[in-house]
Amino acid sequence: EAGKQKCQKCLQIGHWTYECTNKRKYLHRMSRTTVMNKKWKALASALTQGGQNTR
């Protein structure tokens, strides 16, 4: 039933992806480098504050 499905291309409800004539939505995602840097900063601050590795 297509009425409840969410299109993977335009993210609207009511049609299938292969039927979609809309433009693809841009989903902003953080780069892998940004994610890695945030993880390293959190790990470094945890090590300096607590002295333990918190994985």
C-alpha atoms as a PDB file:
ATOM      1  CA  GLU A   1       0.000   0.000   0.000  1.00  0.00           C
ATOM      2  CA  ALA A   2       1.677   3.179  -1.214  1.00  0.00           C
ATOM      3  CA  GLY A   3      -0.465   5.497   0.913  1.00  0.00           C
ATOM      4  CA  LYS A   4       1.627   4.865   4.022  1.00  0.00           C
ATOM      5  CA  GLN A   5       5.035   4.542   2.391  1.00  0.00           C
ATOM      6  CA  LYS A   6       7.660   7.280   2.463  1.00  0.00           C
ATOM      7  CA  CYS A   7       9.482   7.963  -0.798  1.00  0.00           C
ATOM      8  CA  GLN A   8      13.246   7.476  -0.423  1.00  0.00           C
ATOM      9  CA  LYS A   9      13.951  10.157  -3.030  1.00  0.00           C
ATOM     10  CA  CYS A  10      11.812  13.167  -2.051  1.00  0.00           C
ATOM     11  CA  LEU A  11      10.840  12.012   1.485  1.00  0.00           C
ATOM     12  CA  GLN A  12       7.124  12.611   0.880  1.00  0.00           C
ATOM     13  CA  ILE A  13       4.399  10.148   1.826  1.00  0.00           C
ATOM     14  CA  GLY A  14       1.974   8.636  -0.656  1.00  0.00           C
ATOM     15  CA  HIS A  15       4.016   7.194  -3.506  1.00  0.00           C
ATOM     16  CA  TRP A  16       6.791   4.740  -4.241  1.00  0.00           C
ATOM     17  CA  THR A  17      10.344   5.762  -5.103  1.00  0.00           C
ATOM     18  CA  TYR A  18      10.141   4.363  -8.640  1.00  0.00           C
ATOM     19  CA  GLU A  19       7.025   6.488  -9.275  1.00  0.00           C
ATOM     20  CA  CYS A  20       8.627   9.703  -8.006  1.00  0.00           C
ATOM     21  CA  THR A  21       8.930  12.667 -10.366  1.00  0.00           C
ATOM     22  CA  ASN A  22      10.088  15.146  -7.697  1.00  0.00           C
ATOM     23  CA  LYS A  23      13.636  16.353  -7.185  1.00  0.00           C
ATOM     24  CA  ARG A  24      15.840  14.555  -4.696  1.00  0.00           C
ATOM     25  CA  LYS A  25      15.913  16.167  -1.235  1.00  0.00           C
ATOM     26  CA  TYR A  26      19.295  17.182   0.115  1.00  0.00           C
ATOM     27  CA  LEU A  27      19.982  15.687   3.532  1.00  0.00           C
ATOM     28  CA  HIS A  28      22.789  17.460   5.347  1.00  0.00           C
ATOM     29  CA  ARG A  29      25.094  15.029   7.095  1.00  0.00           C
ATOM     30  CA  MET A  30      28.259  15.781   9.002  1.00  0.00           C
ATOM     31  CA  SER A  31      31.422  14.696   7.244  1.00  0.00           C
ATOM     32  CA  ARG A  32      33.316  11.710   8.566  1.00  0.00           C
ATOM     33  CA  THR A  33      36.179  14.019   9.549  1.00  0.00           C
ATOM     34  CA  THR A  34      33.856  16.202  11.635  1.00  0.00           C
ATOM     35  CA  VAL A  35      32.407  13.166  13.404  1.00  0.00           C
ATOM     36  CA  MET A  36      35.898  11.810  14.077  1.00  0.00           C
ATOM     37  CA  ASN A  37      37.145  15.164  15.420  1.00  0.00           C
ATOM     38  CA  LYS A  38      34.162  15.447  17.789  1.00  0.00           C
ATOM     39  CA  LYS A  39      34.848  11.943  19.072  1.00  0.00           C
ATOM     40  CA  TRP A  40      38.551  12.706  19.627  1.00  0.00           C
ATOM     41  CA  LYS A  41      37.766  15.966  21.457  1.00  0.00           C
ATOM     42  CA  ALA A  42      35.243  14.221  23.712  1.00  0.00           C
ATOM     43  CA  LEU A  43      37.699  11.424  24.420  1.00  0.00           C
ATOM     44  CA  ALA A  44      40.522  13.871  25.162  1.00  0.00           C
ATOM     45  CA  SER A  45      38.383  15.911  27.553  1.00  0.00           C
ATOM     46  CA  ALA A  46      37.182  12.742  29.293  1.00  0.00           C
ATOM     47  CA  LEU A  47      40.758  11.577  29.743  1.00  0.00           C
ATOM     48  CA  THR A  48      41.926  14.909  31.144  1.00  0.00           C
ATOM     49  CA  GLN A  49      38.949  15.233  33.500  1.00  0.00           C
ATOM     50  CA  GLY A  50      38.457  11.693  34.714  1.00  0.00           C
ATOM     51  CA  GLY A  51      41.673   9.950  33.890  1.00  0.00           C
ATOM     52  CA  GLN A  52      39.735   6.977  32.575  1.00  0.00           C
ATOM     53  CA  ASN A  53      38.918   5.764  29.109  1.00  0.00           C
ATOM     54  CA  THR A  54      35.143   6.022  28.591  1.00  0.00           C
ATOM     55  CA  ARG A  55      34.291   4.002  25.506  1.00  0.00           C
END
